[in-house]
Amino acid sequence: MSFSGFPEAAKRHALAAFRIVIGLLFACHGAAALFGVLGGAMGGGTVPTGSWPGWYASVIQLVAGSLVLLGLGTRFAALIASGSMAYAYFDVHQSGALWPIQNGGELAALYSWAFLLVVFAGPGAWALDSLLGNALAKRSPADSAAPVPAQAPVPASAAEPEPSTA
């Protein structure tokens, strides 16, 4: 039994599964903090609306996580998610101790690096980005929303040079 072609054939699908799971978990984290579902924020309840940085981080988690999950604007959403988790690690956790295991920042560090991987590796298979890209690529120029500029008529005197009499 040969597995020589297996890794390349499965790479896009494995990356998609990774993207979907990371996006779902991140979105759930944001929904828990914003709406008090799935156990709520910090053991119950919600974060106060507009509080810095908790409420804004929760909005980023819900929106960016949902976009990554769907594969829509994936690289940009993953970049925002990665940056927000890097900020969370260095602002909230790193002051407690050097190592993530000591300062409680393992989840922030893992999310930051996982989303950074998605930024560079792309969304993989099953992404709305690729479905929309294929649909746009199949559109004919006649279907284009941008009108084709009309060419101005060329006057007859400019169209043909006058014969010279030499």
C-alpha atoms as a PDB file:
ATOM      1  CA  MET A   1       0.000   0.000   0.000  1.00  0.00           C
ATOM      2  CA  SER A   2       1.451   3.353  -1.079  1.00  0.00           C
ATOM      3  CA  PHE A   3       0.673   6.702   0.531  1.00  0.00           C
ATOM      4  CA  SER A   4       2.952   8.745  -1.739  1.00  0.00           C
ATOM      5  CA  GLY A   5       0.120  10.902  -3.166  1.00  0.00           C
ATOM      6  CA  PHE A   6      -1.926  11.069   0.040  1.00  0.00           C
ATOM      7  CA  PRO A   7      -0.473  14.169   1.727  1.00  0.00           C
ATOM      8  CA  GLU A   8      -0.844  16.450  -1.302  1.00  0.00           C
ATOM      9  CA  ALA A   9      -4.332  15.194  -2.133  1.00  0.00           C
ATOM     10  CA  ALA A  10      -5.546  15.665   1.449  1.00  0.00           C
ATOM     11  CA  LYS A  11      -3.742  18.918   2.238  1.00  0.00           C
ATOM     12  CA  ARG A  12      -6.537  21.308   1.156  1.00  0.00           C
ATOM     13  CA  HIS A  13      -9.165  19.274   3.018  1.00  0.00           C
ATOM     14  CA  ALA A  14      -7.105  18.996   6.210  1.00  0.00           C
ATOM     15  CA  LEU A  15      -6.455  22.739   6.130  1.00  0.00           C
ATOM     16  CA  ALA A  16     -10.192  23.372   5.658  1.00  0.00           C
ATOM     17  CA  ALA A  17     -11.037  21.139   8.630  1.00  0.00           C
ATOM     18  CA  PHE A  18      -8.431  22.994  10.729  1.00  0.00           C
ATOM     19  CA  ARG A  19      -9.850  26.383   9.638  1.00  0.00           C
ATOM     20  CA  ILE A  20     -13.427  25.332  10.411  1.00  0.00           C
ATOM     21  CA  VAL A  21     -12.628  24.003  13.898  1.00  0.00           C
ATOM     22  CA  ILE A  22     -10.480  27.006  14.862  1.00  0.00           C
ATOM     23  CA  GLY A  23     -13.103  29.435  13.529  1.00  0.00           C
ATOM     24  CA  LEU A  24     -15.948  27.647  15.324  1.00  0.00           C
ATOM     25  CA  LEU A  25     -14.128  27.548  18.670  1.00  0.00           C
ATOM     26  CA  PHE A  26     -13.116  31.207  18.368  1.00  0.00           C
ATOM     27  CA  ALA A  27     -16.659  32.300  17.446  1.00  0.00           C
ATOM     28  CA  CYS A  28     -18.068  30.302  20.382  1.00  0.00           C
ATOM     29  CA  HIS A  29     -15.616  32.056  22.705  1.00  0.00           C
ATOM     30  CA  GLY A  30     -16.882  35.444  21.486  1.00  0.00           C
ATOM     31  CA  ALA A  31     -20.556  34.411  21.673  1.00  0.00           C
ATOM     32  CA  ALA A  32     -20.075  33.165  25.240  1.00  0.00           C
ATOM     33  CA  ALA A  33     -18.641  36.497  26.342  1.00  0.00           C
ATOM     34  CA  LEU A  34     -21.143  38.654  24.444  1.00  0.00           C
ATOM     35  CA  PHE A  35     -24.376  36.731  24.995  1.00  0.00           C
ATOM     36  CA  GLY A  36     -23.698  34.572  28.070  1.00  0.00           C
ATOM     37  CA  VAL A  37     -24.253  31.315  26.145  1.00  0.00           C
ATOM     38  CA  LEU A  38     -22.106  28.188  26.525  1.00  0.00           C
ATOM     39  CA  GLY A  39     -21.202  29.029  30.111  1.00  0.00           C
ATOM     40  CA  GLY A  40     -20.812  32.765  29.607  1.00  0.00           C
ATOM     41  CA  ALA A  41     -17.810  34.964  30.198  1.00  0.00           C
ATOM     42  CA  MET A  42     -15.446  34.152  33.038  1.00  0.00           C
ATOM     43  CA  GLY A  43     -17.689  31.472  34.517  1.00  0.00           C
ATOM     44  CA  GLY A  44     -21.044  33.124  33.784  1.00  0.00           C
ATOM     45  CA  GLY A  45     -22.581  36.312  32.558  1.00  0.00           C
ATOM     46  CA  THR A  46     -21.431  38.653  29.827  1.00  0.00           C
ATOM     47  CA  VAL A  47     -18.768  41.292  29.426  1.00  0.00           C
ATOM     48  CA  PRO A  48     -20.065  44.848  29.890  1.00  0.00           C
ATOM     49  CA  THR A  49     -20.952  46.491  26.582  1.00  0.00           C
ATOM     50  CA  GLY A  50     -18.205  48.783  25.347  1.00  0.00           C
ATOM     51  CA  SER A  51     -15.665  47.785  28.008  1.00  0.00           C
ATOM     52  CA  TRP A  52     -12.037  47.824  26.912  1.00  0.00           C
ATOM     53  CA  PRO A  53     -10.610  45.413  25.881  1.00  0.00           C
ATOM     54  CA  GLY A  54     -13.050  42.616  26.771  1.00  0.00           C
ATOM     55  CA  TRP A  55     -16.109  43.648  24.789  1.00  0.00           C
ATOM     56  CA  TYR A  56     -14.116  44.621  21.687  1.00  0.00           C
ATOM     57  CA  ALA A  57     -12.121  41.391  21.856  1.00  0.00           C
ATOM     58  CA  SER A  58     -15.379  39.430  22.079  1.00  0.00           C
ATOM     59  CA  VAL A  59     -16.781  41.168  19.000  1.00  0.00           C
ATOM     60  CA  ILE A  60     -13.572  40.388  17.107  1.00  0.00           C
ATOM     61  CA  GLN A  61     -13.783  36.770  18.274  1.00  0.00           C
ATOM     62  CA  LEU A  62     -17.392  36.367  17.138  1.00  0.00           C
ATOM     63  CA  VAL A  63     -17.067  38.148  13.793  1.00  0.00           C
ATOM     64  CA  ALA A  64     -13.580  36.987  12.784  1.00  0.00           C
ATOM     65  CA  GLY A  65     -14.265  33.467  14.027  1.00  0.00           C
ATOM     66  CA  SER A  66     -17.471  33.282  11.976  1.00  0.00           C
ATOM     67  CA  LEU A  67     -15.722  34.598   8.857  1.00  0.00           C
ATOM     68  CA  VAL A  68     -12.860  32.115   9.245  1.00  0.00           C
ATOM     69  CA  LEU A  69     -15.358  29.313   9.862  1.00  0.00           C
ATOM     70  CA  LEU A  70     -17.212  30.158   6.632  1.00  0.00           C
ATOM     71  CA  GLY A  71     -14.051  30.832   4.677  1.00  0.00           C
ATOM     72  CA  LEU A  72     -15.173  34.345   3.754  1.00  0.00           C
ATOM     73  CA  GLY A  73     -12.458  37.003   3.747  1.00  0.00           C
ATOM     74  CA  THR A  74     -10.451  34.299   5.450  1.00  0.00           C
ATOM     75  CA  ARG A  75      -6.929  35.687   5.362  1.00  0.00           C
ATOM     76  CA  PHE A  76      -7.939  39.178   6.499  1.00  0.00           C
ATOM     77  CA  ALA A  77     -10.208  37.853   9.262  1.00  0.00           C
ATOM     78  CA  ALA A  78      -7.486  35.447  10.417  1.00  0.00           C
ATOM     79  CA  LEU A  79      -4.951  38.283  10.495  1.00  0.00           C
ATOM     80  CA  ILE A  80      -7.247  40.388  12.704  1.00  0.00           C
ATOM     81  CA  ALA A  81      -7.913  37.370  14.954  1.00  0.00           C
ATOM     82  CA  SER A  82      -4.206  36.554  15.218  1.00  0.00           C
ATOM     83  CA  GLY A  83      -3.341  40.138  16.092  1.00  0.00           C
ATOM     84  CA  SER A  84      -6.064  40.361  18.718  1.00  0.00           C
ATOM     85  CA  MET A  85      -4.804  37.216  20.405  1.00  0.00           C
ATOM     86  CA  ALA A  86      -1.199  38.411  20.265  1.00  0.00           C
ATOM     87  CA  TYR A  87      -2.375  41.635  21.936  1.00  0.00           C
ATOM     88  CA  ALA A  88      -4.270  39.606  24.545  1.00  0.00           C
ATOM     89  CA  TYR A  89      -1.194  37.526  25.294  1.00  0.00           C
ATOM     90  CA  PHE A  90       1.262  40.398  25.616  1.00  0.00           C
ATOM     91  CA  ASP A  91      -1.093  42.844  27.357  1.00  0.00           C
ATOM     92  CA  VAL A  92      -2.967  40.528  29.723  1.00  0.00           C
ATOM     93  CA  HIS A  93      -0.900  37.388  30.236  1.00  0.00           C
ATOM     94  CA  GLN A  94       2.788  38.053  29.635  1.00  0.00           C
ATOM     95  CA  SER A  95       3.179  40.398  32.592  1.00  0.00           C
ATOM     96  CA  GLY A  96       2.369  37.487  34.938  1.00  0.00           C
ATOM     97  CA  ALA A  97       5.268  35.249  33.909  1.00  0.00           C
ATOM     98  CA  LEU A  98       7.503  34.426  30.963  1.00  0.00           C
ATOM     99  CA  TRP A  99       5.985  31.123  29.821  1.00  0.00           C
ATOM    100  CA  PRO A 100       2.359  30.735  28.668  1.00  0.00           C
ATOM    101  CA  ILE A 101       1.894  27.709  30.955  1.00  0.00           C
ATOM    102  CA  GLN A 102       2.798  29.920  33.925  1.00  0.00           C
ATOM    103  CA  ASN A 103       0.773  33.016  32.992  1.00  0.00           C
ATOM    104  CA  GLY A 104      -2.432  31.377  31.720  1.00  0.00           C
ATOM    105  CA  GLY A 105      -1.869  32.561  28.154  1.00  0.00           C
ATOM    106  CA  GLU A 106      -1.741  29.168  26.404  1.00  0.00           C
ATOM    107  CA  LEU A 107      -5.066  29.676  24.631  1.00  0.00           C
ATOM    108  CA  ALA A 108      -4.175  33.191  23.453  1.00  0.00           C
ATOM    109  CA  ALA A 109      -0.797  31.993  22.155  1.00  0.00           C
ATOM    110  CA  LEU A 110      -2.301  28.957  20.403  1.00  0.00           C
ATOM    111  CA  TYR A 111      -5.052  31.006  18.740  1.00  0.00           C
ATOM    112  CA  SER A 112      -2.561  33.637  17.645  1.00  0.00           C
ATOM    113  CA  TRP A 113      -0.275  31.090  15.963  1.00  0.00           C
ATOM    114  CA  ALA A 114      -3.161  29.037  14.551  1.00  0.00           C
ATOM    115  CA  PHE A 115      -4.709  32.064  12.872  1.00  0.00           C
ATOM    116  CA  LEU A 116      -1.311  33.167  11.600  1.00  0.00           C
ATOM    117  CA  LEU A 117      -1.000  29.747   9.939  1.00  0.00           C
ATOM    118  CA  VAL A 118      -4.365  30.310   8.220  1.00  0.00           C
ATOM    119  CA  VAL A 119      -3.179  33.741   7.018  1.00  0.00           C
ATOM    120  CA  PHE A 120      -0.218  32.203   5.199  1.00  0.00           C
ATOM    121  CA  ALA A 121      -1.647  28.797   4.220  1.00  0.00           C
ATOM    122  CA  GLY A 122      -5.023  30.085   3.019  1.00  0.00           C
ATOM    123  CA  PRO A 123      -8.517  28.744   3.630  1.00  0.00           C
ATOM    124  CA  GLY A 124      -8.135  25.311   2.042  1.00  0.00           C
ATOM    125  CA  ALA A 125     -11.102  23.554   0.464  1.00  0.00           C
ATOM    126  CA  TRP A 126     -14.769  24.245   1.276  1.00  0.00           C
ATOM    127  CA  ALA A 127     -14.346  28.028   1.596  1.00  0.00           C
ATOM    128  CA  LEU A 128     -16.901  30.582   0.450  1.00  0.00           C
ATOM    129  CA  ASP A 129     -13.970  32.616  -0.896  1.00  0.00           C
ATOM    130  CA  SER A 130     -13.254  29.942  -3.491  1.00  0.00           C
ATOM    131  CA  LEU A 131     -16.937  29.500  -4.366  1.00  0.00           C
ATOM    132  CA  LEU A 132     -17.395  33.236  -4.883  1.00  0.00           C
ATOM    133  CA  GLY A 133     -14.097  33.461  -6.762  1.00  0.00           C
ATOM    134  CA  ASN A 134     -15.181  30.697  -9.131  1.00  0.00           C
ATOM    135  CA  ALA A 135     -18.559  32.353  -9.678  1.00  0.00           C
ATOM    136  CA  LEU A 136     -16.938  35.695 -10.458  1.00  0.00           C
ATOM    137  CA  ALA A 137     -14.390  34.103 -12.787  1.00  0.00           C
ATOM    138  CA  LYS A 138     -17.178  32.441 -14.772  1.00  0.00           C
ATOM    139  CA  ARG A 139     -18.989  35.726 -15.425  1.00  0.00           C
ATOM    140  CA  SER A 140     -18.744  36.881 -19.018  1.00  0.00           C
ATOM    141  CA  PRO A 141     -17.653  40.432 -19.844  1.00  0.00           C
ATOM    142  CA  ALA A 142     -21.229  41.143 -20.976  1.00  0.00           C
ATOM    143  CA  ASP A 143     -22.408  40.401 -17.417  1.00  0.00           C
ATOM    144  CA  SER A 144     -19.915  42.827 -15.944  1.00  0.00           C
ATOM    145  CA  ALA A 145     -21.343  45.589 -13.778  1.00  0.00           C
ATOM    146  CA  ALA A 146     -18.836  48.094 -15.168  1.00  0.00           C
ATOM    147  CA  PRO A 147     -19.942  49.456 -18.529  1.00  0.00           C
ATOM    148  CA  VAL A 148     -17.480  49.366 -21.393  1.00  0.00           C
ATOM    149  CA  PRO A 149     -16.701  52.940 -22.467  1.00  0.00           C
ATOM    150  CA  ALA A 150     -17.910  53.801 -25.953  1.00  0.00           C
ATOM    151  CA  GLN A 151     -15.334  54.918 -28.465  1.00  0.00           C
ATOM    152  CA  ALA A 152     -15.787  58.359 -29.921  1.00  0.00           C
ATOM    153  CA  PRO A 153     -16.511  58.390 -33.649  1.00  0.00           C
ATOM    154  CA  VAL A 154     -13.518  59.283 -35.773  1.00  0.00           C
ATOM    155  CA  PRO A 155     -14.166  62.099 -38.269  1.00  0.00           C
ATOM    156  CA  ALA A 156     -13.805  61.062 -41.911  1.00  0.00           C
ATOM    157  CA  SER A 157     -11.085  63.629 -42.527  1.00  0.00           C
ATOM    158  CA  ALA A 158      -8.905  62.163 -39.780  1.00  0.00           C
ATOM    159  CA  ALA A 159      -9.588  58.551 -40.750  1.00  0.00           C
ATOM    160  CA  GLU A 160      -7.992  58.683 -44.210  1.00  0.00           C
ATOM    161  CA  PRO A 161      -4.899  60.693 -45.051  1.00  0.00           C
ATOM    162  CA  GLU A 162      -5.208  62.994 -48.030  1.00  0.00           C
ATOM    163  CA  PRO A 163      -3.298  61.879 -51.111  1.00  0.00           C
ATOM    164  CA  SER A 164      -0.294  64.015 -51.859  1.00  0.00           C
ATOM    165  CA  THR A 165       0.170  65.555 -55.276  1.00  0.00           C
ATOM    166  CA  ALA A 166       3.812  65.439 -55.985  1.00  0.00           C
END
